[in-house]
Amino acid sequence: MDDDQNPDLSSPQKMAEACASLMWQTDQCSKSMGMQLDAVGCGTATLSMVVKADMLNGQYNCHGGVMFTLADSAFAFACNAYNQFTVAQHCSISFLKPVQEHDKLIAVAAERWREGRSGIYDVVITRDDELIAEFRGHSRTVRGQMFPDVQS
């Protein structure tokens, strides 16, 4: 991206990157949890995070809400790649394995279907290539664009 005021929006990939950059600037939750935005594309996003001591539950495992938040953030960056404000309409997660302090989690979001104002996205969370959780998010576009003067 050229800069925040005049981003390069010349291709779908550049649009996705510009939208992600703009969202990341104000996503205090993801940043405060130590998440990193590793990659973004049209309908895709990869975020990672290392589990800290303050993310553990009473059984010394990573709290499920923390893993949900990581998956939800990946989902948000994937479905907001098209210059149209998009929100979660419904989400669910299946926790498959426990996670410990210092584990690095990687959440990869991928668009499965998108038509009109609705979309379906799957997010897999892994640790060292081991499947930890699966998340499915249903999106809904709402009024507004990140770059209002650009056709999406």
N, C-alpha and C. Protein backbone atom coordinates (compact mmCIF):
# COMPACT_ATOMS: atom_id res chain seq x y z
N MET A 1 0.84 -1.18 0.00
CA MET A 1 0.00 0.00 0.00
C MET A 1 0.88 1.23 0.00
N ASP A 2 0.49 2.23 -0.77
CA ASP A 2 1.30 3.44 -0.87
C ASP A 2 1.34 4.20 0.44
N ASP A 3 0.21 4.60 0.95
CA ASP A 3 0.09 5.21 2.26
C ASP A 3 -1.37 5.16 2.66
N ASP A 4 -1.65 5.57 3.90
CA ASP A 4 -3.01 5.47 4.42
C ASP A 4 -3.98 6.41 3.72
N GLN A 5 -3.47 7.53 3.18
CA GLN A 5 -4.34 8.50 2.55
C GLN A 5 -4.63 8.16 1.09
N ASN A 6 -3.66 7.55 0.40
CA ASN A 6 -3.80 7.22 -1.01
C ASN A 6 -3.36 5.78 -1.27
N PRO A 7 -4.09 4.81 -0.77
CA PRO A 7 -3.67 3.43 -0.96
C PRO A 7 -3.82 2.98 -2.41
N ASP A 8 -3.03 2.02 -2.80
CA ASP A 8 -3.11 1.41 -4.12
C ASP A 8 -4.27 0.41 -4.09
N LEU A 9 -5.32 0.70 -4.81
CA LEU A 9 -6.52 -0.15 -4.85
C LEU A 9 -6.72 -0.73 -6.24
N SER A 10 -5.64 -0.91 -6.97
CA SER A 10 -5.72 -1.26 -8.39
C SER A 10 -6.05 -2.72 -8.68
N SER A 11 -6.03 -3.57 -7.68
CA SER A 11 -6.35 -4.99 -7.89
C SER A 11 -7.10 -5.51 -6.67
N PRO A 12 -7.79 -6.63 -6.80
CA PRO A 12 -8.46 -7.21 -5.63
C PRO A 12 -7.50 -7.49 -4.47
N GLN A 13 -6.28 -7.96 -4.76
CA GLN A 13 -5.31 -8.21 -3.70
C GLN A 13 -4.90 -6.92 -3.01
N LYS A 14 -4.64 -5.87 -3.79
CA LYS A 14 -4.27 -4.57 -3.21
C LYS A 14 -5.43 -4.02 -2.37
N MET A 15 -6.67 -4.22 -2.84
CA MET A 15 -7.83 -3.78 -2.07
C MET A 15 -7.89 -4.51 -0.74
N ALA A 16 -7.70 -5.82 -0.76
CA ALA A 16 -7.72 -6.62 0.47
C ALA A 16 -6.65 -6.14 1.45
N GLU A 17 -5.47 -5.87 0.94
CA GLU A 17 -4.37 -5.40 1.78
C GLU A 17 -4.67 -4.03 2.36
N ALA A 18 -5.24 -3.14 1.57
CA ALA A 18 -5.57 -1.80 2.05
C ALA A 18 -6.66 -1.85 3.11
N CYS A 19 -7.68 -2.67 2.88
CA CYS A 19 -8.75 -2.81 3.87
C CYS A 19 -8.21 -3.36 5.17
N ALA A 20 -7.35 -4.37 5.09
CA ALA A 20 -6.76 -4.97 6.29
C ALA A 20 -5.90 -3.97 7.04
N SER A 21 -5.12 -3.20 6.30
CA SER A 21 -4.26 -2.21 6.94
C SER A 21 -5.09 -1.17 7.70
N LEU A 22 -6.15 -0.73 7.08
CA LEU A 22 -7.03 0.25 7.72
C LEU A 22 -7.71 -0.33 8.96
N MET A 23 -8.19 -1.56 8.85
CA MET A 23 -8.82 -2.21 10.01
C MET A 23 -7.82 -2.44 11.14
N TRP A 24 -6.61 -2.87 10.79
CA TRP A 24 -5.60 -3.19 11.80
C TRP A 24 -5.26 -1.96 12.65
N GLN A 25 -5.28 -0.77 12.03
CA GLN A 25 -4.95 0.46 12.75
C GLN A 25 -5.82 0.66 13.98
N THR A 26 -7.09 0.27 13.91
CA THR A 26 -8.01 0.53 15.03
C THR A 26 -8.43 -0.74 15.76
N ASP A 27 -7.87 -1.89 15.42
CA ASP A 27 -8.24 -3.15 16.08
C ASP A 27 -7.42 -3.33 17.36
N GLN A 28 -7.82 -2.60 18.38
CA GLN A 28 -7.09 -2.64 19.65
C GLN A 28 -7.17 -3.99 20.34
N CYS A 29 -8.28 -4.69 20.19
CA CYS A 29 -8.45 -5.99 20.84
C CYS A 29 -7.42 -6.98 20.32
N SER A 30 -7.36 -7.16 19.03
CA SER A 30 -6.41 -8.13 18.45
C SER A 30 -4.98 -7.78 18.82
N LYS A 31 -4.64 -6.50 18.70
CA LYS A 31 -3.27 -6.09 19.01
C LYS A 31 -2.96 -6.28 20.49
N SER A 32 -3.91 -5.97 21.38
CA SER A 32 -3.64 -6.10 22.82
C SER A 32 -3.47 -7.55 23.24
N MET A 33 -4.01 -8.47 22.47
CA MET A 33 -3.84 -9.90 22.76
C MET A 33 -2.57 -10.46 22.14
N GLY A 34 -1.82 -9.63 21.45
CA GLY A 34 -0.56 -10.06 20.87
C GLY A 34 -0.71 -10.74 19.51
N MET A 35 -1.84 -10.57 18.86
CA MET A 35 -2.04 -11.17 17.54
C MET A 35 -1.19 -10.45 16.51
N GLN A 36 -0.82 -11.21 15.50
CA GLN A 36 -0.10 -10.67 14.34
C GLN A 36 -0.94 -10.96 13.11
N LEU A 37 -1.06 -9.98 12.23
CA LEU A 37 -1.72 -10.17 10.95
C LEU A 37 -0.65 -10.60 9.96
N ASP A 38 -0.63 -11.88 9.63
CA ASP A 38 0.45 -12.46 8.84
C ASP A 38 0.20 -12.39 7.34
N ALA A 39 -1.04 -12.53 6.92
CA ALA A 39 -1.36 -12.52 5.49
C ALA A 39 -2.83 -12.20 5.31
N VAL A 40 -3.14 -11.59 4.16
CA VAL A 40 -4.53 -11.30 3.82
C VAL A 40 -4.66 -11.38 2.31
N GLY A 41 -5.84 -11.78 1.87
CA GLY A 41 -6.14 -11.84 0.45
C GLY A 41 -7.63 -11.69 0.26
N CYS A 42 -8.10 -11.90 -0.94
CA CYS A 42 -9.54 -11.81 -1.22
C CYS A 42 -10.25 -12.97 -0.54
N GLY A 43 -10.89 -12.69 0.57
CA GLY A 43 -11.62 -13.73 1.30
C GLY A 43 -10.75 -14.63 2.14
N THR A 44 -9.50 -14.24 2.39
CA THR A 44 -8.61 -15.05 3.21
C THR A 44 -7.84 -14.16 4.19
N ALA A 45 -7.42 -14.76 5.28
CA ALA A 45 -6.57 -14.05 6.24
C ALA A 45 -5.89 -15.09 7.13
N THR A 46 -4.68 -14.76 7.55
CA THR A 46 -3.94 -15.58 8.51
C THR A 46 -3.46 -14.69 9.63
N LEU A 47 -3.83 -15.08 10.85
CA LEU A 47 -3.37 -14.39 12.05
C LEU A 47 -2.69 -15.41 12.95
N SER A 48 -1.73 -14.94 13.77
CA SER A 48 -1.07 -15.82 14.72
C SER A 48 -0.98 -15.13 16.07
N MET A 49 -0.73 -15.96 17.09
CA MET A 49 -0.68 -15.43 18.45
C MET A 49 0.02 -16.46 19.33
N VAL A 50 0.80 -16.00 20.29
CA VAL A 50 1.40 -16.87 21.30
C VAL A 50 0.57 -16.76 22.57
N VAL A 51 0.22 -17.90 23.14
CA VAL A 51 -0.62 -17.93 24.34
C VAL A 51 0.20 -17.49 25.55
N LYS A 52 -0.34 -16.48 26.26
CA LYS A 52 0.32 -15.93 27.44
C LYS A 52 -0.35 -16.45 28.71
N ALA A 53 0.31 -16.29 29.83
CA ALA A 53 -0.20 -16.79 31.11
C ALA A 53 -1.57 -16.22 31.45
N ASP A 54 -1.81 -14.96 31.08
CA ASP A 54 -3.10 -14.35 31.42
C ASP A 54 -4.23 -14.79 30.49
N MET A 55 -3.95 -15.73 29.59
CA MET A 55 -4.96 -16.29 28.69
C MET A 55 -5.40 -17.69 29.12
N LEU A 56 -4.88 -18.16 30.26
CA LEU A 56 -5.19 -19.51 30.71
C LEU A 56 -6.44 -19.52 31.59
N ASN A 57 -7.16 -20.62 31.52
CA ASN A 57 -8.34 -20.80 32.38
C ASN A 57 -7.94 -21.50 33.67
N GLY A 58 -8.92 -21.89 34.47
CA GLY A 58 -8.67 -22.52 35.76
C GLY A 58 -8.06 -23.90 35.67
N GLN A 59 -8.00 -24.46 34.49
CA GLN A 59 -7.38 -25.78 34.30
C GLN A 59 -6.02 -25.66 33.61
N TYR A 60 -5.49 -24.44 33.55
CA TYR A 60 -4.18 -24.14 32.97
C TYR A 60 -4.13 -24.39 31.45
N ASN A 61 -5.28 -24.36 30.82
CA ASN A 61 -5.37 -24.43 29.36
C ASN A 61 -5.76 -23.06 28.84
N CYS A 62 -5.48 -22.82 27.57
CA CYS A 62 -5.90 -21.56 26.94
C CYS A 62 -7.42 -21.47 27.02
N HIS A 63 -7.92 -20.35 27.46
CA HIS A 63 -9.36 -20.12 27.56
C HIS A 63 -9.99 -20.21 26.18
N GLY A 64 -11.12 -20.87 26.08
CA GLY A 64 -11.81 -21.01 24.80
C GLY A 64 -12.17 -19.68 24.17
N GLY A 65 -12.47 -18.69 24.98
CA GLY A 65 -12.80 -17.37 24.47
C GLY A 65 -11.63 -16.71 23.77
N VAL A 66 -10.44 -17.03 24.20
CA VAL A 66 -9.23 -16.49 23.55
C VAL A 66 -9.09 -17.09 22.16
N MET A 67 -9.28 -18.41 22.06
CA MET A 67 -9.19 -19.06 20.75
C MET A 67 -10.32 -18.59 19.83
N PHE A 68 -11.51 -18.39 20.40
CA PHE A 68 -12.62 -17.87 19.61
C PHE A 68 -12.27 -16.49 19.06
N THR A 69 -11.67 -15.66 19.91
CA THR A 69 -11.33 -14.30 19.49
C THR A 69 -10.29 -14.32 18.37
N LEU A 70 -9.30 -15.21 18.46
CA LEU A 70 -8.31 -15.33 17.38
C LEU A 70 -9.00 -15.72 16.08
N ALA A 71 -9.87 -16.72 16.13
CA ALA A 71 -10.59 -17.16 14.92
C ALA A 71 -11.50 -16.06 14.40
N ASP A 72 -12.19 -15.37 15.30
CA ASP A 72 -13.10 -14.30 14.90
C ASP A 72 -12.34 -13.16 14.23
N SER A 73 -11.15 -12.86 14.71
CA SER A 73 -10.35 -11.81 14.09
C SER A 73 -9.91 -12.22 12.68
N ALA A 74 -9.49 -13.47 12.51
CA ALA A 74 -9.12 -13.94 11.17
C ALA A 74 -10.32 -13.86 10.24
N PHE A 75 -11.47 -14.29 10.73
CA PHE A 75 -12.74 -14.21 9.99
C PHE A 75 -13.03 -12.77 9.58
N ALA A 76 -12.85 -11.83 10.50
CA ALA A 76 -13.14 -10.43 10.21
C ALA A 76 -12.25 -9.88 9.10
N PHE A 77 -10.97 -10.19 9.14
CA PHE A 77 -10.08 -9.69 8.09
C PHE A 77 -10.37 -10.35 6.76
N ALA A 78 -10.77 -11.61 6.77
CA ALA A 78 -11.09 -12.30 5.51
C ALA A 78 -12.34 -11.72 4.86
N CYS A 79 -13.38 -11.49 5.64
CA CYS A 79 -14.65 -11.06 5.04
C CYS A 79 -14.74 -9.56 4.82
N ASN A 80 -13.77 -8.80 5.31
CA ASN A 80 -13.76 -7.36 5.06
C ASN A 80 -12.75 -6.97 3.99
N ALA A 81 -12.42 -7.89 3.11
CA ALA A 81 -11.41 -7.65 2.08
C ALA A 81 -11.95 -6.98 0.83
N TYR A 82 -13.24 -6.70 0.80
CA TYR A 82 -13.88 -6.25 -0.44
C TYR A 82 -14.37 -4.80 -0.39
N ASN A 83 -13.87 -4.02 0.57
CA ASN A 83 -14.25 -2.61 0.69
C ASN A 83 -15.74 -2.44 1.01
N GLN A 84 -16.29 -3.37 1.73
CA GLN A 84 -17.68 -3.28 2.18
C GLN A 84 -17.69 -3.68 3.66
N PHE A 85 -18.21 -2.80 4.52
CA PHE A 85 -18.26 -3.15 5.94
C PHE A 85 -19.04 -4.45 6.10
N THR A 86 -18.43 -5.40 6.78
CA THR A 86 -19.01 -6.72 6.96
C THR A 86 -18.87 -7.13 8.41
N VAL A 87 -19.94 -7.70 8.97
CA VAL A 87 -19.97 -8.11 10.37
C VAL A 87 -20.33 -9.58 10.48
N ALA A 88 -20.11 -10.12 11.66
CA ALA A 88 -20.50 -11.50 11.93
C ALA A 88 -22.00 -11.57 12.17
N GLN A 89 -22.63 -12.51 11.54
CA GLN A 89 -24.06 -12.75 11.75
C GLN A 89 -24.25 -13.95 12.69
N HIS A 90 -23.39 -14.94 12.54
CA HIS A 90 -23.45 -16.14 13.38
C HIS A 90 -22.09 -16.81 13.32
N CYS A 91 -21.61 -17.31 14.46
CA CYS A 91 -20.33 -18.02 14.50
C CYS A 91 -20.43 -19.20 15.45
N SER A 92 -19.67 -20.25 15.14
CA SER A 92 -19.56 -21.38 16.06
C SER A 92 -18.13 -21.91 16.00
N ILE A 93 -17.73 -22.57 17.07
CA ILE A 93 -16.38 -23.12 17.13
C ILE A 93 -16.42 -24.48 17.79
N SER A 94 -15.57 -25.35 17.32
CA SER A 94 -15.36 -26.67 17.94
C SER A 94 -13.92 -26.72 18.42
N PHE A 95 -13.74 -26.94 19.73
CA PHE A 95 -12.41 -27.05 20.31
C PHE A 95 -12.01 -28.51 20.26
N LEU A 96 -10.87 -28.80 19.66
CA LEU A 96 -10.47 -30.19 19.43
C LEU A 96 -9.35 -30.66 20.34
N LYS A 97 -8.46 -29.75 20.74
CA LYS A 97 -7.33 -30.12 21.60
C LYS A 97 -7.03 -28.97 22.55
N PRO A 98 -6.54 -29.28 23.75
CA PRO A 98 -6.16 -28.20 24.67
C PRO A 98 -4.90 -27.50 24.21
N VAL A 99 -4.75 -26.27 24.67
CA VAL A 99 -3.61 -25.42 24.31
C VAL A 99 -2.98 -24.92 25.59
N GLN A 100 -1.65 -24.87 25.60
CA GLN A 100 -0.91 -24.48 26.79
C GLN A 100 -0.25 -23.11 26.61
N GLU A 101 0.23 -22.57 27.72
CA GLU A 101 1.00 -21.34 27.69
C GLU A 101 2.21 -21.52 26.78
N HIS A 102 2.56 -20.50 26.05
CA HIS A 102 3.69 -20.43 25.11
C HIS A 102 3.41 -21.10 23.77
N ASP A 103 2.26 -21.79 23.62
CA ASP A 103 1.94 -22.37 22.31
C ASP A 103 1.67 -21.25 21.32
N LYS A 104 2.19 -21.41 20.11
CA LYS A 104 1.88 -20.46 19.04
C LYS A 104 0.71 -21.02 18.24
N LEU A 105 -0.36 -20.22 18.15
CA LEU A 105 -1.55 -20.61 17.40
C LEU A 105 -1.58 -19.83 16.08
N ILE A 106 -2.00 -20.52 15.04
CA ILE A 106 -2.16 -19.89 13.74
C ILE A 106 -3.59 -20.12 13.28
N ALA A 107 -4.28 -19.04 12.95
CA ALA A 107 -5.66 -19.10 12.47
C ALA A 107 -5.68 -18.72 11.00
N VAL A 108 -6.19 -19.63 10.18
CA VAL A 108 -6.28 -19.39 8.74
C VAL A 108 -7.75 -19.38 8.34
N ALA A 109 -8.21 -18.24 7.84
CA ALA A 109 -9.60 -18.07 7.42
C ALA A 109 -9.70 -18.17 5.91
N ALA A 110 -10.76 -18.85 5.45
CA ALA A 110 -10.98 -19.00 4.01
C ALA A 110 -12.46 -18.87 3.70
N GLU A 111 -12.74 -18.07 2.71
CA GLU A 111 -14.11 -17.90 2.23
C GLU A 111 -14.59 -19.18 1.56
N ARG A 112 -15.78 -19.64 1.94
CA ARG A 112 -16.37 -20.82 1.34
C ARG A 112 -17.48 -20.48 0.36
N TRP A 113 -18.20 -19.39 0.65
CA TRP A 113 -19.32 -18.96 -0.20
C TRP A 113 -19.61 -17.51 0.11
N ARG A 114 -19.90 -16.74 -0.93
CA ARG A 114 -20.24 -15.33 -0.77
C ARG A 114 -21.16 -14.94 -1.91
N GLU A 115 -22.32 -14.40 -1.55
CA GLU A 115 -23.28 -13.96 -2.55
C GLU A 115 -24.17 -12.90 -1.93
N GLY A 116 -24.41 -11.83 -2.66
CA GLY A 116 -25.24 -10.74 -2.13
C GLY A 116 -24.60 -10.18 -0.88
N ARG A 117 -25.37 -10.14 0.19
CA ARG A 117 -24.87 -9.58 1.45
C ARG A 117 -24.38 -10.64 2.43
N SER A 118 -24.38 -11.91 2.04
CA SER A 118 -24.04 -13.00 2.97
C SER A 118 -22.79 -13.75 2.53
N GLY A 119 -22.13 -14.34 3.51
CA GLY A 119 -20.95 -15.16 3.24
C GLY A 119 -20.76 -16.21 4.31
N ILE A 120 -20.02 -17.24 3.97
CA ILE A 120 -19.66 -18.29 4.93
C ILE A 120 -18.14 -18.46 4.85
N TYR A 121 -17.51 -18.47 6.02
CA TYR A 121 -16.06 -18.56 6.13
C TYR A 121 -15.69 -19.64 7.14
N ASP A 122 -14.68 -20.43 6.81
CA ASP A 122 -14.14 -21.41 7.74
C ASP A 122 -12.77 -20.94 8.22
N VAL A 123 -12.52 -21.15 9.49
CA VAL A 123 -11.23 -20.81 10.09
C VAL A 123 -10.71 -22.06 10.79
N VAL A 124 -9.48 -22.43 10.49
CA VAL A 124 -8.83 -23.52 11.22
C VAL A 124 -7.72 -22.92 12.08
N ILE A 125 -7.65 -23.38 13.31
CA ILE A 125 -6.59 -22.97 14.22
C ILE A 125 -5.67 -24.18 14.40
N THR A 126 -4.38 -23.93 14.17
CA THR A 126 -3.40 -25.00 14.31
C THR A 126 -2.29 -24.58 15.26
N ARG A 127 -1.58 -25.61 15.73
CA ARG A 127 -0.36 -25.44 16.52
C ARG A 127 0.63 -26.45 15.95
N ASP A 128 1.72 -25.97 15.40
CA ASP A 128 2.71 -26.87 14.78
C ASP A 128 2.05 -27.85 13.82
N ASP A 129 1.20 -27.36 12.95
CA ASP A 129 0.49 -28.18 11.95
C ASP A 129 -0.50 -29.18 12.55
N GLU A 130 -0.79 -29.05 13.84
CA GLU A 130 -1.77 -29.91 14.50
C GLU A 130 -3.09 -29.14 14.63
N LEU A 131 -4.18 -29.73 14.18
CA LEU A 131 -5.48 -29.07 14.24
C LEU A 131 -5.94 -28.92 15.68
N ILE A 132 -6.25 -27.69 16.08
CA ILE A 132 -6.65 -27.37 17.45
C ILE A 132 -8.13 -27.03 17.55
N ALA A 133 -8.65 -26.28 16.59
CA ALA A 133 -10.05 -25.86 16.62
C ALA A 133 -10.52 -25.54 15.20
N GLU A 134 -11.83 -25.67 15.01
CA GLU A 134 -12.46 -25.29 13.74
C GLU A 134 -13.61 -24.34 14.04
N PHE A 135 -13.67 -23.28 13.26
CA PHE A 135 -14.63 -22.18 13.45
C PHE A 135 -15.35 -21.96 12.13
N ARG A 136 -16.63 -21.71 12.21
CA ARG A 136 -17.37 -21.31 11.02
C ARG A 136 -18.09 -20.01 11.32
N GLY A 137 -17.92 -19.05 10.41
CA GLY A 137 -18.56 -17.75 10.58
C GLY A 137 -19.44 -17.42 9.39
N HIS A 138 -20.61 -16.88 9.69
CA HIS A 138 -21.54 -16.39 8.67
C HIS A 138 -21.48 -14.88 8.72
N SER A 139 -21.21 -14.26 7.58
CA SER A 139 -21.06 -12.81 7.53
C SER A 139 -22.27 -12.14 6.90
N ARG A 140 -22.36 -10.86 7.17
CA ARG A 140 -23.43 -10.03 6.59
C ARG A 140 -22.84 -8.66 6.31
N THR A 141 -22.96 -8.18 5.08
CA THR A 141 -22.50 -6.83 4.79
C THR A 141 -23.53 -5.82 5.31
N VAL A 142 -23.03 -4.68 5.72
CA VAL A 142 -23.86 -3.59 6.24
C VAL A 142 -23.48 -2.32 5.48
N ARG A 143 -24.13 -1.23 5.78
CA ARG A 143 -23.84 0.03 5.09
C ARG A 143 -22.44 0.50 5.41
N GLY A 144 -21.81 1.04 4.39
CA GLY A 144 -20.51 1.69 4.58
C GLY A 144 -19.38 0.96 3.90
N GLN A 145 -18.37 1.74 3.57
CA GLN A 145 -17.16 1.21 2.93
C GLN A 145 -15.95 1.81 3.63
N MET A 146 -14.86 1.10 3.57
CA MET A 146 -13.62 1.61 4.12
C MET A 146 -13.07 2.73 3.27
N PHE A 147 -13.24 2.59 1.95
CA PHE A 147 -12.82 3.60 0.99
C PHE A 147 -14.04 4.03 0.21
N PRO A 148 -14.79 5.02 0.72
CA PRO A 148 -16.10 5.37 0.17
C PRO A 148 -16.11 5.81 -1.30
N ASP A 149 -15.02 6.32 -1.80
CA ASP A 149 -15.00 6.82 -3.17
C ASP A 149 -14.63 5.75 -4.20
N VAL A 150 -14.55 4.50 -3.77
CA VAL A 150 -14.12 3.42 -4.64
C VAL A 150 -15.26 2.41 -4.81
N GLN A 151 -15.53 2.03 -6.04
CA GLN A 151 -16.52 0.99 -6.29
C GLN A 151 -15.99 -0.35 -5.83
N SER A 152 -16.84 -1.12 -5.14
CA SER A 152 -16.39 -2.45 -4.70
C SER A 152 -17.02 -3.52 -5.55
